[in-house]
Amino acid sequence: MSRLTGMQRRDLLKDFLDQKVLDDHLPMERYKVKEVLENENKENAAKFSTEQYRAVTRTWDKEHYLEIEEEEPLPLEDVIEYNESSYGKVVMVKDSLTGVCYARK
């Protein structure tokens, strides 16, 4: 339960425990979050759907695009910002959980 408690939403923890949802169930699809939090308001379910990715990152399959929610936090830290050109700016970013570096344009 360390991931659930680390999300700073201890007020929702009882709902997860009542449904027997533990850390290894994360990340959960939005519909499942709504089922677990049926007694809470929709705002809490939407917030949890995005905030769970602070505790558990998505898997990023090679050669596939990653669809994320607009409000979803990215677990990336800026490492080096390269010179900006007419094509845009490139930044080396590091996945804060795995340490793997990527280029972000």
PDB file of N, CA and C in Angstrom:
ATOM      1  N   MET A   1       0.819  -1.202   0.000  1.00  0.00           N
ATOM      2  CA  MET A   1       0.000   0.000   0.000  1.00  0.00           C
ATOM      3  C   MET A   1       0.859   1.262   0.000  1.00  0.00           C
ATOM      4  N   SER A   2       2.160   1.100  -0.115  1.00  0.00           N
ATOM      5  CA  SER A   2       3.021   2.272  -0.047  1.00  0.00           C
ATOM      6  C   SER A   2       2.779   3.234  -1.202  1.00  0.00           C
ATOM      7  N   ARG A   3       2.471   2.743  -2.390  1.00  0.00           N
ATOM      8  CA  ARG A   3       2.212   3.640  -3.515  1.00  0.00           C
ATOM      9  C   ARG A   3       0.915   4.408  -3.310  1.00  0.00           C
ATOM     10  N   LEU A   4      -0.114   3.728  -2.844  1.00  0.00           N
ATOM     11  CA  LEU A   4      -1.389   4.408  -2.612  1.00  0.00           C
ATOM     12  C   LEU A   4      -1.262   5.452  -1.521  1.00  0.00           C
ATOM     13  N   THR A   5      -0.546   5.137  -0.463  1.00  0.00           N
ATOM     14  CA  THR A   5      -0.399   6.114   0.612  1.00  0.00           C
ATOM     15  C   THR A   5       0.518   7.249   0.185  1.00  0.00           C
ATOM     16  N   GLY A   6       1.478   6.965  -0.675  1.00  0.00           N
ATOM     17  CA  GLY A   6       2.391   7.989  -1.141  1.00  0.00           C
ATOM     18  C   GLY A   6       1.753   8.999  -2.077  1.00  0.00           C
ATOM     19  N   MET A   7       0.551   8.740  -2.533  1.00  0.00           N
ATOM     20  CA  MET A   7      -0.119   9.646  -3.458  1.00  0.00           C
ATOM     21  C   MET A   7      -0.821  10.786  -2.733  1.00  0.00           C
ATOM     22  N   GLN A   8      -0.650  10.859  -1.433  1.00  0.00           N
ATOM     23  CA  GLN A   8      -1.216  11.938  -0.622  1.00  0.00           C
ATOM     24  C   GLN A   8      -2.739  12.010  -0.700  1.00  0.00           C
ATOM     25  N   ARG A   9      -3.374  10.869  -0.827  1.00  0.00           N
ATOM     26  CA  ARG A   9      -4.838  10.814  -0.811  1.00  0.00           C
ATOM     27  C   ARG A   9      -5.274   9.727   0.167  1.00  0.00           C
ATOM     28  N   ARG A  10      -4.807   9.847   1.388  1.00  0.00           N
ATOM     29  CA  ARG A  10      -5.161   8.857   2.410  1.00  0.00           C
ATOM     30  C   ARG A  10      -6.673   8.784   2.640  1.00  0.00           C
ATOM     31  N   ASP A  11      -7.364   9.882   2.330  1.00  0.00           N
ATOM     32  CA  ASP A  11      -8.813   9.896   2.503  1.00  0.00           C
ATOM     33  C   ASP A  11      -9.502   8.902   1.568  1.00  0.00           C
ATOM     34  N   LEU A  12      -8.857   8.529   0.471  1.00  0.00           N
ATOM     35  CA  LEU A  12      -9.442   7.573  -0.477  1.00  0.00           C
ATOM     36  C   LEU A  12      -8.986   6.142  -0.220  1.00  0.00           C
ATOM     37  N   LEU A  13      -8.031   5.956   0.650  1.00  0.00           N
ATOM     38  CA  LEU A  13      -7.433   4.649   0.878  1.00  0.00           C
ATOM     39  C   LEU A  13      -8.456   3.606   1.315  1.00  0.00           C
ATOM     40  N   LYS A  14      -9.406   3.973   2.156  1.00  0.00           N
ATOM     41  CA  LYS A  14     -10.414   3.016   2.637  1.00  0.00           C
ATOM     42  C   LYS A  14     -11.216   2.436   1.470  1.00  0.00           C
ATOM     43  N   ASP A  15     -11.552   3.280   0.483  1.00  0.00           N
ATOM     44  CA  ASP A  15     -12.303   2.790  -0.670  1.00  0.00           C
ATOM     45  C   ASP A  15     -11.518   1.717  -1.419  1.00  0.00           C
ATOM     46  N   PHE A  16     -10.221   1.918  -1.555  1.00  0.00           N
ATOM     47  CA  PHE A  16      -9.386   0.931  -2.248  1.00  0.00           C
ATOM     48  C   PHE A  16      -9.267  -0.353  -1.446  1.00  0.00           C
ATOM     49  N   LEU A  17      -9.074  -0.216  -0.126  1.00  0.00           N
ATOM     50  CA  LEU A  17      -8.961  -1.403   0.710  1.00  0.00           C
ATOM     51  C   LEU A  17     -10.269  -2.195   0.731  1.00  0.00           C
ATOM     52  N   ASP A  18     -11.400  -1.497   0.770  1.00  0.00           N
ATOM     53  CA  ASP A  18     -12.703  -2.183   0.749  1.00  0.00           C
ATOM     54  C   ASP A  18     -12.887  -2.998  -0.527  1.00  0.00           C
ATOM     55  N   GLN A  19     -12.324  -2.525  -1.635  1.00  0.00           N
ATOM     56  CA  GLN A  19     -12.432  -3.227  -2.919  1.00  0.00           C
ATOM     57  C   GLN A  19     -11.263  -4.197  -3.146  1.00  0.00           C
ATOM     58  N   LYS A  20     -10.399  -4.330  -2.133  1.00  0.00           N
ATOM     59  CA  LYS A  20      -9.224  -5.197  -2.196  1.00  0.00           C
ATOM     60  C   LYS A  20      -8.281  -4.824  -3.337  1.00  0.00           C
ATOM     61  N   VAL A  21      -8.136  -3.517  -3.547  1.00  0.00           N
ATOM     62  CA  VAL A  21      -7.215  -2.995  -4.551  1.00  0.00           C
ATOM     63  C   VAL A  21      -5.913  -2.624  -3.836  1.00  0.00           C
ATOM     64  N   LEU A  22      -4.813  -3.220  -4.289  1.00  0.00           N
ATOM     65  CA  LEU A  22      -3.511  -2.985  -3.689  1.00  0.00           C
ATOM     66  C   LEU A  22      -2.564  -2.383  -4.719  1.00  0.00           C
ATOM     67  N   ASP A  23      -1.334  -2.121  -4.305  1.00  0.00           N
ATOM     68  CA  ASP A  23      -0.345  -1.502  -5.191  1.00  0.00           C
ATOM     69  C   ASP A  23      -0.176  -2.240  -6.512  1.00  0.00           C
ATOM     70  N   ASP A  24      -0.198  -3.576  -6.448  1.00  0.00           N
ATOM     71  CA  ASP A  24       0.046  -4.339  -7.677  1.00  0.00           C
ATOM     72  C   ASP A  24      -1.091  -4.226  -8.686  1.00  0.00           C
ATOM     73  N   HIS A  25      -2.193  -3.578  -8.333  1.00  0.00           N
ATOM     74  CA  HIS A  25      -3.286  -3.331  -9.271  1.00  0.00           C
ATOM     75  C   HIS A  25      -3.089  -2.035 -10.062  1.00  0.00           C
ATOM     76  N   LEU A  26      -2.083  -1.258  -9.664  1.00  0.00           N
ATOM     77  CA  LEU A  26      -1.825   0.017 -10.329  1.00  0.00           C
ATOM     78  C   LEU A  26      -0.920  -0.177 -11.528  1.00  0.00           C
ATOM     79  N   PRO A  27      -1.053   0.594 -12.570  1.00  0.00           N
ATOM     80  CA  PRO A  27      -2.083   1.599 -12.798  1.00  0.00           C
ATOM     81  C   PRO A  27      -3.395   0.943 -13.224  1.00  0.00           C
ATOM     82  N   MET A  28      -4.491   1.595 -12.936  1.00  0.00           N
ATOM     83  CA  MET A  28      -5.820   1.085 -13.256  1.00  0.00           C
ATOM     84  C   MET A  28      -6.448   1.925 -14.360  1.00  0.00           C
ATOM     85  N   GLU A  29      -7.251   1.279 -15.171  1.00  0.00           N
ATOM     86  CA  GLU A  29      -8.000   1.988 -16.201  1.00  0.00           C
ATOM     87  C   GLU A  29      -9.004   2.919 -15.523  1.00  0.00           C
ATOM     88  N   ARG A  30      -9.378   3.988 -16.217  1.00  0.00           N
ATOM     89  CA  ARG A  30     -10.277   5.001 -15.653  1.00  0.00           C
ATOM     90  C   ARG A  30     -11.608   4.398 -15.203  1.00  0.00           C
ATOM     91  N   TYR A  31     -12.162   3.455 -15.981  1.00  0.00           N
ATOM     92  CA  TYR A  31     -13.452   2.861 -15.605  1.00  0.00           C
ATOM     93  C   TYR A  31     -13.353   2.106 -14.280  1.00  0.00           C
ATOM     94  N   LYS A  32     -12.193   1.451 -14.025  1.00  0.00           N
ATOM     95  CA  LYS A  32     -12.007   0.703 -12.781  1.00  0.00           C
ATOM     96  C   LYS A  32     -11.882   1.654 -11.598  1.00  0.00           C
ATOM     97  N   VAL A  33     -11.197   2.774 -11.803  1.00  0.00           N
ATOM     98  CA  VAL A  33     -11.078   3.773 -10.745  1.00  0.00           C
ATOM     99  C   VAL A  33     -12.461   4.284 -10.360  1.00  0.00           C
ATOM    100  N   LYS A  34     -13.312   4.517 -11.362  1.00  0.00           N
ATOM    101  CA  LYS A  34     -14.670   4.986 -11.080  1.00  0.00           C
ATOM    102  C   LYS A  34     -15.465   3.952 -10.287  1.00  0.00           C
ATOM    103  N   GLU A  35     -15.241   2.657 -10.581  1.00  0.00           N
ATOM    104  CA  GLU A  35     -15.920   1.604  -9.823  1.00  0.00           C
ATOM    105  C   GLU A  35     -15.478   1.608  -8.368  1.00  0.00           C
ATOM    106  N   VAL A  36     -14.185   1.720  -8.145  1.00  0.00           N
ATOM    107  CA  VAL A  36     -13.646   1.698  -6.781  1.00  0.00           C
ATOM    108  C   VAL A  36     -14.108   2.917  -6.000  1.00  0.00           C
ATOM    109  N   LEU A  37     -14.123   4.061  -6.657  1.00  0.00           N
ATOM    110  CA  LEU A  37     -14.479   5.307  -5.976  1.00  0.00           C
ATOM    111  C   LEU A  37     -15.931   5.710  -6.218  1.00  0.00           C
ATOM    112  N   GLU A  38     -16.815   4.736  -6.351  1.00  0.00           N
ATOM    113  CA  GLU A  38     -18.210   5.048  -6.657  1.00  0.00           C
ATOM    114  C   GLU A  38     -18.888   5.888  -5.583  1.00  0.00           C
ATOM    115  N   ASN A  39     -18.407   5.817  -4.345  1.00  0.00           N
ATOM    116  CA  ASN A  39     -18.999   6.613  -3.268  1.00  0.00           C
ATOM    117  C   ASN A  39     -18.423   8.020  -3.199  1.00  0.00           C
ATOM    118  N   GLU A  40     -17.368   8.275  -3.950  1.00  0.00           N
ATOM    119  CA  GLU A  40     -16.731   9.589  -3.980  1.00  0.00           C
ATOM    120  C   GLU A  40     -17.241  10.354  -5.195  1.00  0.00           C
ATOM    121  N   ASN A  41     -16.884  11.615  -5.288  1.00  0.00           N
ATOM    122  CA  ASN A  41     -17.333  12.381  -6.442  1.00  0.00           C
ATOM    123  C   ASN A  41     -16.471  12.083  -7.670  1.00  0.00           C
ATOM    124  N   LYS A  42     -16.950  12.463  -8.832  1.00  0.00           N
ATOM    125  CA  LYS A  42     -16.253  12.187 -10.092  1.00  0.00           C
ATOM    126  C   LYS A  42     -14.910  12.892 -10.164  1.00  0.00           C
ATOM    127  N   GLU A  43     -14.796  14.027  -9.510  1.00  0.00           N
ATOM    128  CA  GLU A  43     -13.535  14.776  -9.517  1.00  0.00           C
ATOM    129  C   GLU A  43     -12.421  13.957  -8.875  1.00  0.00           C
ATOM    130  N   ASN A  44     -12.725  13.259  -7.773  1.00  0.00           N
ATOM    131  CA  ASN A  44     -11.721  12.419  -7.118  1.00  0.00           C
ATOM    132  C   ASN A  44     -11.278  11.288  -8.033  1.00  0.00           C
ATOM    133  N   ALA A  45     -12.227  10.676  -8.753  1.00  0.00           N
ATOM    134  CA  ALA A  45     -11.887   9.584  -9.663  1.00  0.00           C
ATOM    135  C   ALA A  45     -11.009  10.082 -10.803  1.00  0.00           C
ATOM    136  N   ALA A  46     -11.339  11.227 -11.358  1.00  0.00           N
ATOM    137  CA  ALA A  46     -10.536  11.786 -12.444  1.00  0.00           C
ATOM    138  C   ALA A  46      -9.141  12.150 -11.950  1.00  0.00           C
ATOM    139  N   LYS A  47      -9.075  12.741 -10.768  1.00  0.00           N
ATOM    140  CA  LYS A  47      -7.788  13.136 -10.187  1.00  0.00           C
ATOM    141  C   LYS A  47      -6.920  11.908  -9.937  1.00  0.00           C
ATOM    142  N   PHE A  48      -7.512  10.858  -9.370  1.00  0.00           N
ATOM    143  CA  PHE A  48      -6.745   9.649  -9.098  1.00  0.00           C
ATOM    144  C   PHE A  48      -6.279   8.990 -10.387  1.00  0.00           C
ATOM    145  N   SER A  49      -7.129   9.008 -11.416  1.00  0.00           N
ATOM    146  CA  SER A  49      -6.761   8.382 -12.697  1.00  0.00           C
ATOM    147  C   SER A  49      -5.464   8.960 -13.247  1.00  0.00           C
ATOM    148  N   THR A  50      -5.269  10.241 -13.055  1.00  0.00           N
ATOM    149  CA  THR A  50      -4.039  10.857 -13.551  1.00  0.00           C
ATOM    150  C   THR A  50      -2.915  10.790 -12.527  1.00  0.00           C
ATOM    151  N   GLU A  51      -3.218  10.982 -11.259  1.00  0.00           N
ATOM    152  CA  GLU A  51      -2.179  11.019 -10.226  1.00  0.00           C
ATOM    153  C   GLU A  51      -1.526   9.661  -9.989  1.00  0.00           C
ATOM    154  N   GLN A  52      -2.200   8.568 -10.344  1.00  0.00           N
ATOM    155  CA  GLN A  52      -1.605   7.255 -10.116  1.00  0.00           C
ATOM    156  C   GLN A  52      -0.300   7.088 -10.892  1.00  0.00           C
ATOM    157  N   TYR A  53      -0.129   7.857 -11.957  1.00  0.00           N
ATOM    158  CA  TYR A  53       1.089   7.733 -12.747  1.00  0.00           C
ATOM    159  C   TYR A  53       2.286   8.425 -12.105  1.00  0.00           C
ATOM    160  N   ARG A  54       2.072   9.127 -11.003  1.00  0.00           N
ATOM    161  CA  ARG A  54       3.207   9.612 -10.226  1.00  0.00           C
ATOM    162  C   ARG A  54       3.813   8.448  -9.442  1.00  0.00           C
ATOM    163  N   ALA A  55       2.987   7.484  -9.078  1.00  0.00           N
ATOM    164  CA  ALA A  55       3.447   6.338  -8.295  1.00  0.00           C
ATOM    165  C   ALA A  55       3.900   5.185  -9.184  1.00  0.00           C
ATOM    166  N   VAL A  56       3.249   5.002 -10.315  1.00  0.00           N
ATOM    167  CA  VAL A  56       3.559   3.904 -11.230  1.00  0.00           C
ATOM    168  C   VAL A  56       3.567   4.468 -12.638  1.00  0.00           C
ATOM    169  N   THR A  57       4.692   4.380 -13.302  1.00  0.00           N
ATOM    170  CA  THR A  57       4.750   4.917 -14.653  1.00  0.00           C
ATOM    171  C   THR A  57       4.124   3.960 -15.655  1.00  0.00           C
ATOM    172  N   ARG A  58       3.691   4.526 -16.739  1.00  0.00           N
ATOM    173  CA  ARG A  58       3.183   3.715 -17.840  1.00  0.00           C
ATOM    174  C   ARG A  58       4.351   2.988 -18.497  1.00  0.00           C
ATOM    175  N   THR A  59       4.037   1.890 -19.170  1.00  0.00           N
ATOM    176  CA  THR A  59       5.061   1.245 -19.972  1.00  0.00           C
ATOM    177  C   THR A  59       5.042   1.911 -21.335  1.00  0.00           C
ATOM    178  N   TRP A  60       6.208   2.240 -21.840  1.00  0.00           N
ATOM    179  CA  TRP A  60       6.334   2.916 -23.122  1.00  0.00           C
ATOM    180  C   TRP A  60       6.881   1.922 -24.119  1.00  0.00           C
ATOM    181  N   ASP A  61       6.008   1.347 -24.918  1.00  0.00           N
ATOM    182  CA  ASP A  61       6.424   0.386 -25.926  1.00  0.00           C
ATOM    183  C   ASP A  61       7.194   1.091 -27.034  1.00  0.00           C
ATOM    184  N   LYS A  62       8.263   0.472 -27.467  1.00  0.00           N
ATOM    185  CA  LYS A  62       9.060   1.048 -28.546  1.00  0.00           C
ATOM    186  C   LYS A  62       8.213   1.150 -29.805  1.00  0.00           C
ATOM    187  N   GLU A  63       8.435   2.210 -30.543  1.00  0.00           N
ATOM    188  CA  GLU A  63       7.800   2.453 -31.841  1.00  0.00           C
ATOM    189  C   GLU A  63       6.287   2.633 -31.755  1.00  0.00           C
ATOM    190  N   HIS A  64       5.778   2.989 -30.594  1.00  0.00           N
ATOM    191  CA  HIS A  64       4.354   3.269 -30.438  1.00  0.00           C
ATOM    192  C   HIS A  64       4.190   4.625 -29.755  1.00  0.00           C
ATOM    193  N   TYR A  65       3.141   5.302 -30.098  1.00  0.00           N
ATOM    194  CA  TYR A  65       2.836   6.557 -29.426  1.00  0.00           C
ATOM    195  C   TYR A  65       2.175   6.259 -28.092  1.00  0.00           C
ATOM    196  N   LEU A  66       2.378   7.130 -27.148  1.00  0.00           N
ATOM    197  CA  LEU A  66       1.791   6.992 -25.830  1.00  0.00           C
ATOM    198  C   LEU A  66       0.653   7.987 -25.706  1.00  0.00           C
ATOM    199  N   GLU A  67      -0.539   7.493 -25.440  1.00  0.00           N
ATOM    200  CA  GLU A  67      -1.684   8.383 -25.248  1.00  0.00           C
ATOM    201  C   GLU A  67      -1.805   8.688 -23.759  1.00  0.00           C
ATOM    202  N   ILE A  68      -1.785   9.975 -23.436  1.00  0.00           N
ATOM    203  CA  ILE A  68      -1.881  10.385 -22.043  1.00  0.00           C
ATOM    204  C   ILE A  68      -3.010  11.401 -21.895  1.00  0.00           C
ATOM    205  N   GLU A  69      -3.516  11.474 -20.692  1.00  0.00           N
ATOM    206  CA  GLU A  69      -4.546  12.447 -20.374  1.00  0.00           C
ATOM    207  C   GLU A  69      -3.912  13.827 -20.307  1.00  0.00           C
ATOM    208  N   GLU A  70      -4.667  14.846 -20.602  1.00  0.00           N
ATOM    209  CA  GLU A  70      -4.131  16.209 -20.590  1.00  0.00           C
ATOM    210  C   GLU A  70      -3.570  16.590 -19.219  1.00  0.00           C
ATOM    211  N   GLU A  71      -4.248  16.133 -18.152  1.00  0.00           N
ATOM    212  CA  GLU A  71      -3.841  16.505 -16.796  1.00  0.00           C
ATOM    213  C   GLU A  71      -2.755  15.590 -16.244  1.00  0.00           C
ATOM    214  N   GLU A  72      -2.412  14.539 -16.957  1.00  0.00           N
ATOM    215  CA  GLU A  72      -1.511  13.530 -16.429  1.00  0.00           C
ATOM    216  C   GLU A  72      -0.078  14.044 -16.306  1.00  0.00           C
ATOM    217  N   PRO A  73       0.517  13.867 -15.129  1.00  0.00           N
ATOM    218  CA  PRO A  73       1.899  14.312 -14.966  1.00  0.00           C
ATOM    219  C   PRO A  73       2.857  13.361 -15.664  1.00  0.00           C
ATOM    220  N   LEU A  74       3.881  13.904 -16.276  1.00  0.00           N
ATOM    221  CA  LEU A  74       4.897  13.069 -16.901  1.00  0.00           C
ATOM    222  C   LEU A  74       6.039  12.871 -15.915  1.00  0.00           C
ATOM    223  N   PRO A  75       6.528  11.655 -15.797  1.00  0.00           N
ATOM    224  CA  PRO A  75       7.615  11.393 -14.842  1.00  0.00           C
ATOM    225  C   PRO A  75       8.980  11.721 -15.435  1.00  0.00           C
ATOM    226  N   LEU A  76       9.095  12.889 -16.065  1.00  0.00           N
ATOM    227  CA  LEU A  76      10.327  13.255 -16.744  1.00  0.00           C
ATOM    228  C   LEU A  76      10.960  14.486 -16.106  1.00  0.00           C
ATOM    229  N   GLU A  77      12.280  14.439 -16.008  1.00  0.00           N
ATOM    230  CA  GLU A  77      13.036  15.574 -15.478  1.00  0.00           C
ATOM    231  C   GLU A  77      13.908  16.125 -16.598  1.00  0.00           C
ATOM    232  N   ASP A  78      13.923  17.439 -16.772  1.00  0.00           N
ATOM    233  CA  ASP A  78      14.808  18.057 -17.754  1.00  0.00           C
ATOM    234  C   ASP A  78      16.256  17.867 -17.318  1.00  0.00           C
ATOM    235  N   VAL A  79      17.112  17.441 -18.255  1.00  0.00           N
ATOM    236  CA  VAL A  79      18.528  17.238 -17.962  1.00  0.00           C
ATOM    237  C   VAL A  79      19.359  18.321 -18.643  1.00  0.00           C
ATOM    238  N   ILE A  80      19.231  18.414 -19.974  1.00  0.00           N
ATOM    239  CA  ILE A  80      19.988  19.399 -20.749  1.00  0.00           C
ATOM    240  C   ILE A  80      19.062  20.008 -21.789  1.00  0.00           C
ATOM    241  N   GLU A  81      19.090  21.323 -21.888  1.00  0.00           N
ATOM    242  CA  GLU A  81      18.334  22.007 -22.927  1.00  0.00           C
ATOM    243  C   GLU A  81      19.311  22.402 -24.031  1.00  0.00           C
ATOM    244  N   TYR A  82      19.033  21.918 -25.244  1.00  0.00           N
ATOM    245  CA  TYR A  82      19.898  22.228 -26.380  1.00  0.00           C
ATOM    246  C   TYR A  82      19.441  23.527 -27.025  1.00  0.00           C
ATOM    247  N   ASN A  83      20.263  24.085 -27.884  1.00  0.00           N
ATOM    248  CA  ASN A  83      19.935  25.342 -28.546  1.00  0.00           C
ATOM    249  C   ASN A  83      18.626  25.245 -29.311  1.00  0.00           C
ATOM    250  N   GLU A  84      17.842  26.298 -29.217  1.00  0.00           N
ATOM    251  CA  GLU A  84      16.570  26.351 -29.925  1.00  0.00           C
ATOM    252  C   GLU A  84      16.837  26.773 -31.361  1.00  0.00           C
ATOM    253  N   SER A  85      16.128  26.149 -32.303  1.00  0.00           N
ATOM    254  CA  SER A  85      16.274  26.510 -33.714  1.00  0.00           C
ATOM    255  C   SER A  85      14.902  26.856 -34.274  1.00  0.00           C
ATOM    256  N   SER A  86      14.854  27.105 -35.559  1.00  0.00           N
ATOM    257  CA  SER A  86      13.569  27.423 -36.190  1.00  0.00           C
ATOM    258  C   SER A  86      12.620  26.227 -36.165  1.00  0.00           C
ATOM    259  N   TYR A  87      13.163  25.029 -35.924  1.00  0.00           N
ATOM    260  CA  TYR A  87      12.334  23.828 -35.856  1.00  0.00           C
ATOM    261  C   TYR A  87      11.813  23.551 -34.452  1.00  0.00           C
ATOM    262  N   GLY A  88      12.282  24.286 -33.482  1.00  0.00           N
ATOM    263  CA  GLY A  88      11.841  24.094 -32.105  1.00  0.00           C
ATOM    264  C   GLY A  88      13.008  23.872 -31.172  1.00  0.00           C
ATOM    265  N   LYS A  89      12.699  23.434 -29.975  1.00  0.00           N
ATOM    266  CA  LYS A  89      13.691  23.229 -28.928  1.00  0.00           C
ATOM    267  C   LYS A  89      13.768  21.738 -28.613  1.00  0.00           C
ATOM    268  N   VAL A  90      14.971  21.242 -28.370  1.00  0.00           N
ATOM    269  CA  VAL A  90      15.169  19.846 -27.983  1.00  0.00           C
ATOM    270  C   VAL A  90      15.730  19.829 -26.575  1.00  0.00           C
ATOM    271  N   VAL A  91      15.149  18.975 -25.746  1.00  0.00           N
ATOM    272  CA  VAL A  91      15.587  18.851 -24.357  1.00  0.00           C
ATOM    273  C   VAL A  91      15.836  17.375 -24.057  1.00  0.00           C
ATOM    274  N   MET A  92      16.975  17.084 -23.454  1.00  0.00           N
ATOM    275  CA  MET A  92      17.200  15.724 -22.973  1.00  0.00           C
ATOM    276  C   MET A  92      16.458  15.599 -21.648  1.00  0.00           C
ATOM    277  N   VAL A  93      15.610  14.587 -21.537  1.00  0.00           N
ATOM    278  CA  VAL A  93      14.850  14.356 -20.313  1.00  0.00           C
ATOM    279  C   VAL A  93      15.157  12.964 -19.789  1.00  0.00           C
ATOM    280  N   LYS A  94      15.013  12.811 -18.484  1.00  0.00           N
ATOM    281  CA  LYS A  94      15.283  11.528 -17.841  1.00  0.00           C
ATOM    282  C   LYS A  94      14.016  11.055 -17.142  1.00  0.00           C
ATOM    283  N   ASP A  95      13.673   9.794 -17.354  1.00  0.00           N
ATOM    284  CA  ASP A  95      12.553   9.183 -16.645  1.00  0.00           C
ATOM    285  C   ASP A  95      12.945   9.117 -15.175  1.00  0.00           C
ATOM    286  N   SER A  96      12.194   9.763 -14.316  1.00  0.00           N
ATOM    287  CA  SER A  96      12.562   9.875 -12.906  1.00  0.00           C
ATOM    288  C   SER A  96      12.521   8.547 -12.158  1.00  0.00           C
ATOM    289  N   LEU A  97      11.852   7.546 -12.694  1.00  0.00           N
ATOM    290  CA  LEU A  97      11.791   6.255 -12.015  1.00  0.00           C
ATOM    291  C   LEU A  97      12.799   5.244 -12.558  1.00  0.00           C
ATOM    292  N   THR A  98      13.029   5.247 -13.875  1.00  0.00           N
ATOM    293  CA  THR A  98      13.929   4.257 -14.472  1.00  0.00           C
ATOM    294  C   THR A  98      15.320   4.799 -14.747  1.00  0.00           C
ATOM    295  N   GLY A  99      15.457   6.127 -14.864  1.00  0.00           N
ATOM    296  CA  GLY A  99      16.737   6.722 -15.182  1.00  0.00           C
ATOM    297  C   GLY A  99      17.061   6.753 -16.669  1.00  0.00           C
ATOM    298  N   VAL A 100      16.172   6.246 -17.509  1.00  0.00           N
ATOM    299  CA  VAL A 100      16.397   6.213 -18.955  1.00  0.00           C
ATOM    300  C   VAL A 100      16.205   7.629 -19.515  1.00  0.00           C
ATOM    301  N   CYS A 101      17.112   8.029 -20.440  1.00  0.00           N
ATOM    302  CA  CYS A 101      17.034   9.361 -21.039  1.00  0.00           C
ATOM    303  C   CYS A 101      16.368   9.306 -22.411  1.00  0.00           C
ATOM    304  N   TYR A 102      15.636  10.362 -22.728  1.00  0.00           N
ATOM    305  CA  TYR A 102      14.935  10.510 -24.001  1.00  0.00           C
ATOM    306  C   TYR A 102      15.163  11.923 -24.504  1.00  0.00           C
ATOM    307  N   ALA A 103      14.901  12.126 -25.789  1.00  0.00           N
ATOM    308  CA  ALA A 103      14.923  13.466 -26.353  1.00  0.00           C
ATOM    309  C   ALA A 103      13.469  13.924 -26.484  1.00  0.00           C
ATOM    310  N   ARG A 104      13.184  15.131 -26.014  1.00  0.00           N
ATOM    311  CA  ARG A 104      11.838  15.714 -26.122  1.00  0.00           C
ATOM    312  C   ARG A 104      11.940  16.948 -26.979  1.00  0.00           C
ATOM    313  N   LYS A 105      11.091  17.007 -27.989  1.00  0.00           N
ATOM    314  CA  LYS A 105      11.088  18.178 -28.867  1.00  0.00           C
ATOM    315  C   LYS A 105       9.868  19.006 -28.577  1.00  0.00           C
TER     316      LYS A 105
END
